[in-house]
Amino acid sequence: MDELSQARAELALLEEQAQRLLKELLHVRAAVATQRAKVDELIRTRPTAFNLIPTEILLCILNLDVRACHHPKRKYQLAGVCQRWKNIILDSPSFWTTIHVATSASSIMTHLERSRGALLDIVIEASLWSQSNHLALVPSLDIVGPLAHR
């Protein structure tokens, strides 16, 4: 076999090897894509460590946060974190027992409904008792007044 024939034969072998390697590379890339999708799905469906906390303990944590914050809208902020927190907050009377008389009548009614007969903390801010604001509080006081026993 002359040198040209030998070079062509070696080239043919190298091209066959390149085809096999390319085929193997495509197979490996497909396997990588499949495995990546599996890992992504496992990550997506795996519960976070925070979701492993029992509801009773999470309820205590959320209550502590709401009480420490002293902001009437805090429970709404926490309810916006995820569906589980929203369900806990909306279904737990303890989040709805503090009523600020200066809030709207609809907010007061929501608190009364969600507190489900639990004892209430009715907050009347002294700074609101100026002459001009006095009459504005009457409708709210009319709603909570009959519930003073709670």
Protein backbone atom coordinates (compact mmCIF):
# COMPACT_ATOMS: atom_id res chain seq x y z
CA MET A 1 0.00 0.00 0.00
CA ASP A 2 1.41 3.33 -0.97
CA GLU A 3 1.59 6.34 1.30
CA LEU A 4 -1.55 8.00 -0.15
CA SER A 5 -3.65 4.87 0.31
CA GLN A 6 -2.37 4.54 3.83
CA ALA A 7 -3.23 8.18 4.63
CA ARG A 8 -6.74 7.73 3.15
CA ALA A 9 -7.31 4.57 5.19
CA GLU A 10 -6.19 6.32 8.38
CA LEU A 11 -8.42 9.31 7.53
CA ALA A 12 -11.38 6.96 7.04
CA LEU A 13 -10.71 5.34 10.43
CA LEU A 14 -10.45 8.74 12.10
CA GLU A 15 -13.71 9.89 10.47
CA GLU A 16 -15.46 6.73 11.69
CA GLN A 17 -14.08 7.35 15.17
CA ALA A 18 -15.23 10.98 15.00
CA GLN A 19 -18.74 9.81 14.01
CA ARG A 20 -18.84 7.32 16.90
CA LEU A 21 -17.64 9.98 19.33
CA LEU A 22 -20.15 12.51 18.00
CA LYS A 23 -22.94 9.95 18.37
CA GLU A 24 -21.76 9.21 21.92
CA LEU A 25 -21.55 12.95 22.70
CA LEU A 26 -25.13 13.48 21.51
CA HIS A 27 -26.25 10.52 23.62
CA VAL A 28 -24.44 11.92 26.70
CA ARG A 29 -25.89 15.40 26.13
CA ALA A 30 -29.40 13.92 25.95
CA ALA A 31 -28.76 12.02 29.18
CA VAL A 32 -27.46 15.22 30.82
CA ALA A 33 -30.61 17.11 29.75
CA THR A 34 -32.83 14.33 31.10
CA GLN A 35 -30.95 14.23 34.40
CA ARG A 36 -31.00 18.03 34.70
CA ALA A 37 -34.78 18.01 34.21
CA LYS A 38 -35.11 15.31 36.88
CA VAL A 39 -32.98 17.32 39.35
CA ASP A 40 -34.97 20.49 38.62
CA GLU A 41 -38.24 18.64 39.20
CA LEU A 42 -36.98 17.17 42.48
CA ILE A 43 -35.88 20.62 43.64
CA ARG A 44 -39.20 22.15 42.60
CA THR A 45 -41.33 19.54 44.38
CA ARG A 46 -39.16 19.10 47.45
CA PRO A 47 -40.61 20.77 50.51
CA THR A 48 -38.46 23.52 51.94
CA ALA A 49 -37.13 23.08 55.45
CA PHE A 50 -39.49 25.83 56.59
CA ASN A 51 -42.48 23.84 55.31
CA LEU A 52 -41.45 20.95 57.55
CA ILE A 53 -42.16 23.05 60.66
CA PRO A 54 -45.43 21.87 62.25
CA THR A 55 -48.32 24.28 61.81
CA GLU A 56 -48.67 24.81 65.58
CA ILE A 57 -45.06 25.99 65.87
CA LEU A 58 -45.31 28.16 62.75
CA LEU A 59 -48.47 29.69 64.21
CA CYS A 60 -46.53 30.64 67.36
CA ILE A 61 -43.69 32.13 65.30
CA LEU A 62 -46.06 34.19 63.15
CA ASN A 63 -47.98 35.37 66.23
CA LEU A 64 -44.73 36.47 67.88
CA ASP A 65 -43.79 38.42 64.77
CA VAL A 66 -47.17 40.16 64.55
CA ARG A 67 -47.11 41.06 68.25
CA ALA A 68 -43.51 42.33 68.08
CA CYS A 69 -44.13 44.44 64.99
CA HIS A 70 -47.03 46.49 66.45
CA HIS A 71 -48.25 47.32 62.96
CA PRO A 72 -51.92 46.58 62.18
CA LYS A 73 -51.10 45.53 58.61
CA ARG A 74 -48.29 43.09 59.56
CA LYS A 75 -50.53 40.03 59.39
CA TYR A 76 -51.47 40.94 55.82
CA GLN A 77 -47.79 41.22 54.87
CA LEU A 78 -47.09 37.79 56.32
CA ALA A 79 -50.17 36.31 54.64
CA GLY A 80 -48.68 37.39 51.32
CA VAL A 81 -45.57 35.22 51.76
CA CYS A 82 -47.11 31.91 50.65
CA GLN A 83 -50.40 30.01 50.59
CA ARG A 84 -49.60 28.09 53.77
CA TRP A 85 -48.96 31.25 55.78
CA LYS A 86 -52.09 32.84 54.35
CA ASN A 87 -54.21 29.84 55.38
CA ILE A 88 -52.72 29.81 58.87
CA ILE A 89 -53.29 33.53 59.39
CA LEU A 90 -56.81 33.62 57.95
CA ASP A 91 -57.89 30.50 59.88
CA SER A 92 -56.39 31.43 63.27
CA PRO A 93 -58.56 33.62 65.51
CA SER A 94 -55.52 34.78 67.49
CA PHE A 95 -54.45 37.01 64.58
CA TRP A 96 -57.77 38.84 64.61
CA THR A 97 -58.33 39.66 68.27
CA THR A 98 -56.73 43.12 68.31
CA ILE A 99 -59.11 45.74 66.94
CA HIS A 100 -57.99 49.30 66.34
CA VAL A 101 -61.05 51.51 66.70
CA ALA A 102 -59.62 54.06 64.25
CA THR A 103 -59.78 51.53 61.37
CA SER A 104 -62.67 51.20 58.97
CA ALA A 105 -65.93 49.52 59.89
CA SER A 106 -65.30 46.77 57.33
CA SER A 107 -61.90 46.02 58.88
CA ILE A 108 -63.48 45.85 62.33
CA MET A 109 -66.17 43.49 61.03
CA THR A 110 -63.51 41.28 59.40
CA HIS A 111 -61.63 41.09 62.70
CA LEU A 112 -64.80 40.25 64.62
CA GLU A 113 -65.74 37.52 62.17
CA ARG A 114 -62.28 35.93 62.03
CA SER A 115 -61.69 36.16 65.80
CA ARG A 116 -64.58 33.66 66.18
CA GLY A 117 -65.63 34.69 69.66
CA ALA A 118 -62.12 34.87 71.12
CA LEU A 119 -61.31 37.53 73.69
CA LEU A 120 -60.64 40.91 72.09
CA ASP A 121 -58.09 43.63 72.60
CA ILE A 122 -59.75 46.90 71.60
CA VAL A 123 -57.22 49.65 70.96
CA ILE A 124 -58.32 53.29 71.18
CA GLU A 125 -55.41 55.65 70.60
CA ALA A 126 -55.49 58.66 72.94
CA SER A 127 -54.03 60.95 70.29
CA LEU A 128 -57.16 60.41 68.23
CA TRP A 129 -59.38 61.87 70.91
CA SER A 130 -59.07 65.44 69.76
CA GLN A 131 -62.33 67.32 69.34
CA SER A 132 -62.21 67.02 65.54
CA ASN A 133 -61.64 63.26 65.55
CA HIS A 134 -64.06 62.42 68.33
CA LEU A 135 -67.13 62.11 66.14
CA ALA A 136 -65.27 60.07 63.51
CA LEU A 137 -64.75 57.29 66.06
CA VAL A 138 -68.42 56.95 67.03
CA PRO A 139 -69.37 54.45 64.26
CA SER A 140 -66.44 52.20 65.17
CA LEU A 141 -67.25 52.44 68.88
CA ASP A 142 -70.87 51.56 68.10
CA ILE A 143 -69.63 48.32 66.50
CA VAL A 144 -67.22 47.24 69.25
CA GLY A 145 -69.14 48.62 72.24
CA PRO A 146 -71.62 45.73 72.48
CA LEU A 147 -68.67 43.30 72.41
CA ALA A 148 -66.88 44.77 75.43
CA HIS A 149 -67.53 41.52 77.33
CA ARG A 150 -65.14 39.72 74.98
